[in-house]
Every structure is written in C-alpha cells, then in structure tokens.
Amino acid sequence: MMPDLGKYADAVLSSYGVSIVLLLVLVVASVRRARRVRAELDEVEQRVRRNG
C-alpha cells in the first residue's frame, strides 16, 4: 500500500503530518470565526428589529 520512501521517509511523513495539522487548525479557526460572526450578525438584526 505505502510506497517505499527510502531515506526520505521521515521528511515526507513529517511534512504530511504538519500539513494535516495546519489544515485542521485552519478549519477550526474558520468554524470558530464563522460562529462568532453569525452571533454578531444575529445581534445586529435583533437591534434593528427592536428599533424599527
């Protein structure tokens, strides 16, 4: 299944690991920001509705 990476196996696998971690961090940060922005927008909409 996995190709023989020879003497570069450590470098290649660690690069894959770092890339996966960075992608996960970006996804988590994006989801958190989206939730925060959605909450702020909901608050603004409620204020607008109250003030007519």
Protein backbone atom coordinates (compact mmCIF):
# COMPACT_ATOMS: atom_id res chain seq x y z
CA MET A 1 0.00 0.00 0.00
CA MET A 2 2.58 2.58 1.05
CA PRO A 3 5.43 3.26 -1.36
CA ASP A 4 8.99 2.77 -0.20
CA LEU A 5 10.27 6.24 0.60
CA GLY A 6 13.76 5.16 1.47
CA LYS A 7 15.93 7.61 3.33
CA TYR A 8 13.36 10.40 2.81
CA ALA A 9 10.56 8.64 4.68
CA ASP A 10 10.95 10.75 7.83
CA ALA A 11 10.92 14.03 5.94
CA VAL A 12 7.97 13.10 3.73
CA LEU A 13 5.85 11.68 6.55
CA SER A 14 6.57 14.59 8.87
CA SER A 15 5.65 17.00 6.06
CA TYR A 16 2.34 15.18 5.62
CA GLY A 17 1.77 15.35 9.37
CA VAL A 18 2.49 19.07 9.58
CA SER A 19 0.24 19.74 6.58
CA ILE A 20 -2.65 17.82 8.13
CA VAL A 21 -2.26 19.66 11.43
CA LEU A 22 -2.18 23.05 9.69
CA LEU A 23 -5.29 22.19 7.67
CA LEU A 24 -7.12 21.18 10.84
CA VAL A 25 -6.09 24.42 12.54
CA LEU A 26 -7.40 26.42 9.59
CA VAL A 27 -10.71 24.56 9.59
CA VAL A 28 -11.19 25.01 13.33
CA ALA A 29 -10.28 28.71 13.14
CA SER A 30 -12.69 29.22 10.23
CA VAL A 31 -15.56 27.49 12.01
CA ARG A 32 -14.97 29.48 15.21
CA ARG A 33 -14.85 32.76 13.29
CA ALA A 34 -17.99 31.88 11.34
CA ARG A 35 -19.86 31.19 14.59
CA ARG A 36 -18.66 34.45 16.12
CA VAL A 37 -19.63 36.48 13.04
CA ARG A 38 -23.02 34.76 12.86
CA ALA A 39 -23.69 35.64 16.52
CA GLU A 40 -22.71 39.27 15.89
CA LEU A 41 -24.97 39.46 12.84
CA ASP A 42 -27.87 37.99 14.80
CA GLU A 43 -27.33 40.61 17.50
CA VAL A 44 -27.33 43.43 14.94
CA GLU A 45 -30.50 42.07 13.33
CA GLN A 46 -32.25 41.94 16.70
CA ARG A 47 -31.26 45.55 17.43
CA VAL A 48 -32.58 46.67 14.04
CA ARG A 49 -35.87 44.85 14.59
CA ARG A 50 -36.29 46.43 18.04
CA ASN A 51 -35.59 49.93 16.78
CA GLY A 52 -37.87 49.52 13.79
